[in-house]
Amino acid sequence: MSGVTLKNAVKRYGDVEVIHDVDLAIDDGEFCVFVGPSGCGKSTLLRMIAGLEETSEGQINIGRRDVTKVDASERGVAMVFQTYALYPHMSVRENMGFGLRMNGHPKAEIAAKVGEASKILKLDPYLDRKPKALSGGQRQRVAIGRAIVRGPKVFLFDEPLSNLDAELRVDMRVEIARLHKEIGATMIYVTHDQVEAMTLADKIVVLRAGKIEQVGSPMDLYNDPDNRFVAGFIGSPAMNFLEGLVQDNGDVVLPSLDGRVVSTSVALPVKGGKVLVGLRPQNLRIREGNGSTLLDLREHLGGVSYDYLVAAGGEKLIIENREQDAIAEGSNVIVDFDDCDAMFFDAANEARLR
């Protein structure tokens, strides 16, 4: 097992630069998740590590070895793709051992490694089945098992759960987390789903437009985002943002919430300037009153409900409601929150103000 280091990594397609000067260190045995919206460069960065995409500039190390120009087959990595890519005419046993057989490994060694991987992934009852006789989750476990038997230094996952339904996604997410704990290998995982990122990762790398926005543990990014993009991307439902006006005494007024005043010790821009105020749905409460905010819609999800509000200026807010109160849709409400739960962002460059 080995860590992965990227130094000033750049990827260009002709004159178009899609990965911009990425520096990143992933520790040995760490579960690192690349997350970001579609087109942010996360899969391209993963493929650069795998050797499936040429690195235009910079350096990629696996362990202490520079693999920037090394062929993909010699990097000691194994990749699990979004599609299972199983051979339909082969059994599960044959699919898992195919790579080792092609590399001339002895039959006894192949059987032992396939047996060990199938035990970890609970595939023993299915070893003699063909892929068409398996569910989507079972096929993905076979694809992961094929990677395990190779004994790679680094596992690479490129949105492996995207083709599964919601229930199977949850089940496989748990399986992958358990697998990491059992084998302790370095794993790099690509997803656009921030819930997967939050639940799986030791370290999250948030990407936007080919650049790293922030790196940290899931709770570090949730509690202490560097900018509006990270604050809005990490957390479900997403953070609410409202425009605030800085007062002479340093407080911030929210015109859209009936002039609600937020006290803060944060260093803010010049008096009279504008800031963005970020509020997590979990930190907001509503009560009946003569406020100008409209309770437009409520979604009931059992133990929790999501209230969709429209503020005076047309701004939309989401509130996580666990009180199951009887305020009716269409009512005017007052929005409450604790001042300490508000985050502040520069209105121009959207950087966090601390």
Protein backbone atom coordinates (compact mmCIF):
# COMPACT_ATOMS: atom_id res chain seq x y z
CA MET A 1 0.00 0.00 0.00
CA SER A 2 1.14 3.54 -0.73
CA GLY A 3 0.10 7.13 -0.57
CA VAL A 4 -0.39 9.32 -3.64
CA THR A 5 1.14 12.74 -4.23
CA LEU A 6 0.39 15.19 -7.04
CA LYS A 7 2.73 18.11 -7.59
CA ASN A 8 1.64 20.95 -9.90
CA ALA A 9 -0.36 18.47 -12.01
CA VAL A 10 -1.79 19.93 -15.22
CA LYS A 11 -3.88 18.37 -17.96
CA ARG A 12 -4.44 19.97 -21.35
CA TYR A 13 -6.37 18.89 -24.40
CA GLY A 14 -4.70 20.92 -27.11
CA ASP A 15 -4.80 24.52 -25.93
CA VAL A 16 -7.57 23.87 -23.40
CA GLU A 17 -6.38 23.38 -19.81
CA VAL A 18 -8.83 21.29 -17.80
CA ILE A 19 -6.76 20.50 -14.69
CA HIS A 20 -4.96 23.51 -13.27
CA ASP A 21 -1.78 23.14 -11.22
CA VAL A 22 -3.11 20.62 -8.68
CA ASP A 23 -1.10 19.93 -5.51
CA LEU A 24 -2.45 17.13 -3.34
CA ALA A 25 -1.15 14.59 -0.81
CA ILE A 26 -3.17 11.44 -0.02
CA ASP A 27 -1.77 9.45 2.89
CA ASP A 28 -1.11 5.71 2.90
CA GLY A 29 -4.35 3.90 3.79
CA GLU A 30 -6.50 7.01 3.48
CA PHE A 31 -9.95 7.05 1.88
CA CYS A 32 -9.95 10.19 -0.26
CA VAL A 33 -13.02 11.34 -2.19
CA PHE A 34 -12.96 13.72 -5.16
CA VAL A 35 -16.29 15.54 -5.25
CA GLY A 36 -17.72 18.31 -7.36
CA PRO A 37 -20.32 19.07 -10.02
CA SER A 38 -20.28 17.48 -13.47
CA GLY A 39 -17.40 18.73 -15.59
CA CYS A 40 -15.25 19.83 -12.64
CA GLY A 41 -12.37 17.49 -13.61
CA LYS A 42 -12.63 14.86 -10.89
CA SER A 43 -12.72 11.84 -13.24
CA THR A 44 -9.94 13.33 -15.37
CA LEU A 45 -7.77 13.73 -12.28
CA LEU A 46 -8.49 10.12 -11.28
CA ARG A 47 -7.59 8.88 -14.75
CA MET A 48 -4.33 10.85 -14.59
CA ILE A 49 -3.45 8.97 -11.40
CA ALA A 50 -4.42 5.68 -13.08
CA GLY A 51 -2.30 6.44 -16.15
CA LEU A 52 -5.29 6.42 -18.47
CA GLU A 53 -4.77 10.14 -19.18
CA GLU A 54 -1.37 11.65 -19.87
CA THR A 55 -0.20 14.31 -17.42
CA SER A 56 0.68 17.43 -19.41
CA GLU A 57 2.80 18.99 -16.66
CA GLY A 58 3.76 18.20 -13.09
CA GLN A 59 4.42 14.97 -11.28
CA ILE A 60 2.45 12.05 -9.82
CA ASN A 61 4.03 9.81 -7.17
CA ILE A 62 2.63 6.56 -5.81
CA GLY A 63 4.59 5.86 -2.67
CA ARG A 64 8.06 7.18 -3.33
CA ARG A 65 7.95 6.27 -7.01
CA ASP A 66 7.45 8.84 -9.77
CA VAL A 67 4.83 7.26 -12.05
CA THR A 68 4.10 10.31 -14.21
CA LYS A 69 5.36 8.61 -17.38
CA VAL A 70 4.83 5.00 -16.25
CA ASP A 71 2.35 2.82 -18.15
CA ALA A 72 -0.99 2.28 -16.44
CA SER A 73 -0.40 -1.47 -16.11
CA GLU A 74 2.78 -0.89 -14.12
CA ARG A 75 1.53 1.69 -11.60
CA GLY A 76 0.18 -0.80 -9.08
CA VAL A 77 -3.35 0.59 -9.15
CA ALA A 78 -6.70 -1.07 -9.75
CA MET A 79 -9.69 0.83 -11.05
CA VAL A 80 -13.40 0.16 -10.55
CA PHE A 81 -15.53 1.88 -13.18
CA GLN A 82 -19.10 3.13 -13.26
CA THR A 83 -19.97 0.27 -15.61
CA TYR A 84 -19.15 -3.18 -14.28
CA ALA A 85 -17.25 -4.26 -17.43
CA LEU A 86 -17.67 -7.97 -16.65
CA TYR A 87 -17.22 -10.69 -19.26
CA PRO A 88 -20.75 -12.07 -19.77
CA HIS A 89 -19.59 -15.57 -20.81
CA MET A 90 -17.43 -16.03 -17.71
CA SER A 91 -18.48 -17.01 -14.21
CA VAL A 92 -17.91 -14.75 -11.23
CA ARG A 93 -14.88 -16.87 -10.31
CA GLU A 94 -13.43 -16.52 -13.81
CA ASN A 95 -14.12 -12.79 -13.99
CA MET A 96 -12.36 -12.14 -10.69
CA GLY A 97 -9.32 -14.20 -11.60
CA PHE A 98 -9.03 -13.19 -15.26
CA GLY A 99 -6.38 -10.51 -14.79
CA LEU A 100 -4.14 -12.81 -12.77
CA ARG A 101 -4.56 -15.61 -15.32
CA MET A 102 -3.56 -13.29 -18.15
CA ASN A 103 -0.42 -12.38 -16.21
CA GLY A 104 0.56 -16.02 -15.84
CA HIS A 105 -0.09 -16.53 -12.13
CA PRO A 106 -0.35 -20.17 -10.93
CA LYS A 107 -3.85 -21.63 -10.66
CA ALA A 108 -3.46 -22.31 -6.93
CA GLU A 109 -2.54 -18.67 -6.27
CA ILE A 110 -5.47 -17.41 -8.35
CA ALA A 111 -7.90 -19.70 -6.53
CA ALA A 112 -6.60 -18.55 -3.14
CA LYS A 113 -6.85 -14.86 -3.97
CA VAL A 114 -10.30 -15.21 -5.53
CA GLY A 115 -11.45 -17.17 -2.48
CA GLU A 116 -10.14 -14.51 -0.11
CA ALA A 117 -11.77 -11.66 -2.06
CA SER A 118 -15.09 -13.48 -2.39
CA LYS A 119 -15.14 -14.06 1.37
CA ILE A 120 -14.57 -10.36 2.07
CA LEU A 121 -17.30 -9.36 -0.39
CA LYS A 122 -19.70 -12.19 0.53
CA LEU A 123 -19.67 -13.58 -3.00
CA ASP A 124 -19.08 -17.25 -2.15
CA PRO A 125 -22.64 -18.37 -3.10
CA TYR A 126 -22.32 -16.73 -6.54
CA LEU A 127 -18.87 -17.83 -7.73
CA ASP A 128 -20.22 -20.15 -10.41
CA ARG A 129 -22.93 -17.80 -11.69
CA LYS A 130 -22.68 -15.71 -14.85
CA PRO A 131 -23.10 -11.91 -14.56
CA LYS A 132 -26.61 -12.01 -16.06
CA ALA A 133 -27.76 -14.00 -13.03
CA LEU A 134 -26.60 -11.30 -10.60
CA SER A 135 -28.17 -8.11 -9.32
CA GLY A 136 -26.56 -4.73 -10.00
CA GLY A 137 -25.06 -4.60 -6.52
CA GLN A 138 -23.65 -8.12 -6.85
CA ARG A 139 -22.09 -7.26 -10.22
CA GLN A 140 -20.42 -4.20 -8.70
CA ARG A 141 -19.06 -6.37 -5.89
CA VAL A 142 -17.58 -8.70 -8.51
CA ALA A 143 -15.92 -5.72 -10.20
CA ILE A 144 -14.47 -4.67 -6.83
CA GLY A 145 -13.37 -8.25 -6.18
CA ARG A 146 -11.54 -8.30 -9.51
CA ALA A 147 -9.61 -5.27 -8.28
CA ILE A 148 -8.88 -6.81 -4.87
CA VAL A 149 -7.31 -10.00 -6.24
CA ARG A 150 -4.66 -7.93 -8.02
CA GLY A 151 -3.37 -6.70 -4.65
CA PRO A 152 -2.93 -3.10 -5.83
CA LYS A 153 -1.17 -0.33 -3.94
CA VAL A 154 -4.08 2.03 -4.63
CA PHE A 155 -7.77 1.43 -5.41
CA LEU A 156 -9.45 3.93 -7.74
CA PHE A 157 -13.26 4.18 -7.92
CA ASP A 158 -14.89 6.21 -10.70
CA GLU A 159 -18.52 6.82 -9.65
CA PRO A 160 -19.06 3.09 -9.01
CA LEU A 161 -22.59 3.45 -7.62
CA SER A 162 -24.10 5.68 -10.28
CA ASN A 163 -25.92 2.84 -12.05
CA LEU A 164 -27.56 1.46 -8.92
CA ASP A 165 -30.97 2.32 -7.51
CA ALA A 166 -31.25 4.30 -4.28
CA GLU A 167 -31.48 1.34 -1.90
CA LEU A 168 -28.57 -0.50 -3.51
CA ARG A 169 -26.48 2.67 -3.45
CA VAL A 170 -26.84 2.81 0.32
CA ASP A 171 -26.03 -0.89 0.69
CA MET A 172 -22.95 -0.67 -1.54
CA ARG A 173 -21.77 2.48 0.18
CA VAL A 174 -21.73 0.55 3.45
CA GLU A 175 -19.95 -2.37 1.76
CA ILE A 176 -17.21 -0.11 0.39
CA ALA A 177 -16.72 1.56 3.78
CA ARG A 178 -16.47 -1.86 5.43
CA LEU A 179 -14.04 -3.03 2.75
CA HIS A 180 -11.74 -0.09 3.42
CA LYS A 181 -11.71 -0.88 7.13
CA GLU A 182 -10.93 -4.54 6.48
CA ILE A 183 -8.09 -4.20 4.00
CA GLY A 184 -6.78 -0.76 4.96
CA ALA A 185 -5.75 0.14 1.42
CA THR A 186 -5.38 3.62 -0.04
CA MET A 187 -8.61 4.40 -1.89
CA ILE A 188 -9.50 7.33 -4.13
CA TYR A 189 -13.16 7.65 -4.97
CA VAL A 190 -14.89 9.96 -7.44
CA THR A 191 -18.50 11.05 -7.02
CA HIS A 192 -20.77 14.02 -7.63
CA ASP A 193 -22.88 12.95 -4.65
CA GLN A 194 -21.79 14.88 -1.57
CA VAL A 195 -23.67 12.42 0.70
CA GLU A 196 -21.37 9.63 -0.54
CA ALA A 197 -18.40 11.92 0.03
CA MET A 198 -19.46 12.80 3.58
CA THR A 199 -20.17 9.22 4.64
CA LEU A 200 -17.15 7.49 3.06
CA ALA A 201 -14.22 9.88 3.17
CA ASP A 202 -11.36 10.42 5.56
CA LYS A 203 -10.43 13.33 3.29
CA ILE A 204 -12.59 15.20 0.77
CA VAL A 205 -11.18 17.14 -2.18
CA VAL A 206 -13.75 19.63 -3.50
CA LEU A 207 -13.13 20.47 -7.16
CA ARG A 208 -14.54 23.18 -9.39
CA ALA A 209 -13.50 23.90 -12.99
CA GLY A 210 -10.32 21.83 -12.69
CA LYS A 211 -9.11 23.51 -9.50
CA ILE A 212 -9.12 22.41 -5.89
CA GLU A 213 -11.43 24.61 -3.83
CA GLN A 214 -10.74 23.01 -0.45
CA VAL A 215 -9.32 19.84 1.10
CA GLY A 216 -10.24 18.52 4.53
CA SER A 217 -12.18 16.03 6.59
CA PRO A 218 -15.94 15.87 5.98
CA MET A 219 -16.82 17.73 9.17
CA ASP A 220 -14.07 20.33 8.64
CA LEU A 221 -15.58 21.21 5.27
CA TYR A 222 -19.10 21.23 6.69
CA ASN A 223 -18.29 23.36 9.72
CA ASP A 224 -15.57 25.57 8.28
CA PRO A 225 -15.93 26.04 4.48
CA ASP A 226 -13.49 28.41 2.77
CA ASN A 227 -16.00 29.91 0.33
CA ARG A 228 -19.59 29.98 -0.77
CA PHE A 229 -19.12 27.17 -3.29
CA VAL A 230 -17.87 24.68 -0.69
CA ALA A 231 -20.47 25.83 1.85
CA GLY A 232 -23.26 25.31 -0.69
CA PHE A 233 -21.96 22.01 -2.02
CA ILE A 234 -21.22 20.22 1.25
CA GLY A 235 -24.32 19.56 3.31
CA SER A 236 -27.80 18.31 2.48
CA PRO A 237 -30.06 20.20 2.04
CA ALA A 238 -27.75 22.89 0.76
CA MET A 239 -26.94 26.02 2.75
CA ASN A 240 -29.24 29.03 2.33
CA PHE A 241 -27.70 32.36 1.29
CA LEU A 242 -29.18 35.79 1.88
CA GLU A 243 -27.86 39.26 1.17
CA GLY A 244 -26.91 41.27 4.25
CA LEU A 245 -26.04 44.92 4.80
CA VAL A 246 -23.23 45.86 7.21
CA GLN A 247 -24.24 48.48 9.80
CA ASP A 248 -22.13 51.15 11.50
CA ASN A 249 -21.85 49.07 14.67
CA GLY A 250 -20.69 45.97 12.75
CA ASP A 251 -24.02 44.13 12.88
CA VAL A 252 -25.60 42.78 9.70
CA VAL A 253 -29.18 43.45 8.66
CA LEU A 254 -31.12 40.96 6.51
CA PRO A 255 -33.68 43.02 4.56
CA SER A 256 -35.37 39.92 3.15
CA LEU A 257 -36.11 38.62 6.67
CA ASP A 258 -37.96 41.69 7.90
CA GLY A 259 -34.74 43.48 8.84
CA ARG A 260 -33.49 40.71 11.14
CA VAL A 261 -30.24 41.90 12.76
CA VAL A 262 -27.31 39.49 13.10
CA SER A 263 -24.60 40.32 15.62
CA THR A 264 -21.09 39.07 14.84
CA SER A 265 -17.47 39.52 15.79
CA VAL A 266 -16.34 38.61 12.27
CA ALA A 267 -14.22 41.18 10.41
CA LEU A 268 -16.63 42.47 7.78
CA PRO A 269 -16.21 44.86 4.81
CA VAL A 270 -16.68 48.61 5.09
CA LYS A 271 -19.83 49.85 6.77
CA GLY A 272 -22.73 49.95 4.37
CA GLY A 273 -21.19 47.18 2.29
CA LYS A 274 -22.91 43.96 1.28
CA VAL A 275 -22.16 40.44 2.51
CA LEU A 276 -23.70 37.04 1.93
CA VAL A 277 -25.06 35.37 5.03
CA GLY A 278 -25.06 31.55 4.98
CA LEU A 279 -27.56 29.62 7.11
CA ARG A 280 -27.81 25.84 7.30
CA PRO A 281 -31.36 24.43 7.00
CA GLN A 282 -30.75 22.52 10.24
CA ASN A 283 -30.16 25.78 12.14
CA LEU A 284 -33.35 27.59 11.08
CA ARG A 285 -36.70 27.60 12.85
CA ILE A 286 -40.05 29.12 11.99
CA ARG A 287 -42.93 30.41 14.07
CA GLU A 288 -46.26 31.95 13.25
CA GLY A 289 -46.32 35.74 13.08
CA ASN A 290 -46.68 38.75 10.87
CA GLY A 291 -43.44 38.17 9.00
CA SER A 292 -43.24 38.64 5.25
CA THR A 293 -41.77 35.19 4.66
CA LEU A 294 -44.15 32.68 3.09
CA LEU A 295 -44.29 28.99 3.95
CA ASP A 296 -44.75 27.84 0.38
CA LEU A 297 -44.46 24.07 0.59
CA ARG A 298 -43.72 21.30 3.09
CA GLU A 299 -42.27 17.89 2.29
CA HIS A 300 -42.96 15.21 4.88
CA LEU A 301 -40.28 12.52 5.10
CA GLY A 302 -41.38 10.77 8.27
CA GLY A 303 -39.20 11.89 11.18
CA VAL A 304 -38.24 15.10 9.43
CA SER A 305 -39.91 17.59 7.11
CA TYR A 306 -38.44 20.16 4.74
CA ASP A 307 -40.13 23.55 4.67
CA TYR A 308 -39.67 25.61 1.50
CA LEU A 309 -39.98 29.32 2.17
CA VAL A 310 -40.08 32.41 -0.02
CA ALA A 311 -38.66 35.56 1.61
CA ALA A 312 -39.81 39.12 0.98
CA GLY A 313 -37.32 39.72 -1.84
CA GLY A 314 -38.17 36.44 -3.55
CA GLU A 315 -35.22 34.57 -2.05
CA LYS A 316 -35.90 30.89 -1.44
CA LEU A 317 -34.96 29.10 1.77
CA ILE A 318 -35.10 25.49 2.96
CA ILE A 319 -35.62 24.63 6.63
CA GLU A 320 -35.19 21.21 8.18
CA ASN A 321 -38.15 20.86 10.52
CA ARG A 322 -38.27 18.15 13.18
CA GLU A 323 -41.00 19.74 15.28
CA GLN A 324 -43.89 18.50 13.13
CA ASP A 325 -45.71 21.74 13.94
CA ALA A 326 -49.09 22.59 12.50
CA ILE A 327 -48.21 25.79 10.65
CA ALA A 328 -50.11 25.49 7.39
CA GLU A 329 -48.71 25.94 3.92
CA GLY A 330 -49.48 29.43 2.66
CA SER A 331 -48.95 31.00 6.09
CA ASN A 332 -46.71 33.97 6.76
CA VAL A 333 -43.96 33.08 9.24
CA ILE A 334 -41.01 34.53 11.12
CA VAL A 335 -37.64 32.85 10.64
CA ASP A 336 -35.47 32.40 13.75
CA PHE A 337 -31.87 31.29 14.18
CA ASP A 338 -28.98 31.77 16.57
CA ASP A 339 -26.52 34.46 15.50
CA CYS A 340 -23.57 32.12 16.14
CA ASP A 341 -24.84 29.76 13.41
CA ALA A 342 -24.57 32.38 10.64
CA MET A 343 -21.59 32.31 8.25
CA PHE A 344 -20.46 35.34 6.27
CA PHE A 345 -19.06 35.50 2.75
CA ASP A 346 -17.67 38.34 0.66
CA ALA A 347 -20.38 39.43 -1.76
CA ALA A 348 -17.86 39.97 -4.58
CA ASN A 349 -15.45 37.02 -4.52
CA GLU A 350 -17.57 34.76 -2.26
CA ALA A 351 -14.63 34.00 0.06
CA ARG A 352 -15.47 33.15 3.68
CA LEU A 353 -15.15 36.03 6.14
CA ARG A 354 -13.80 34.84 9.49
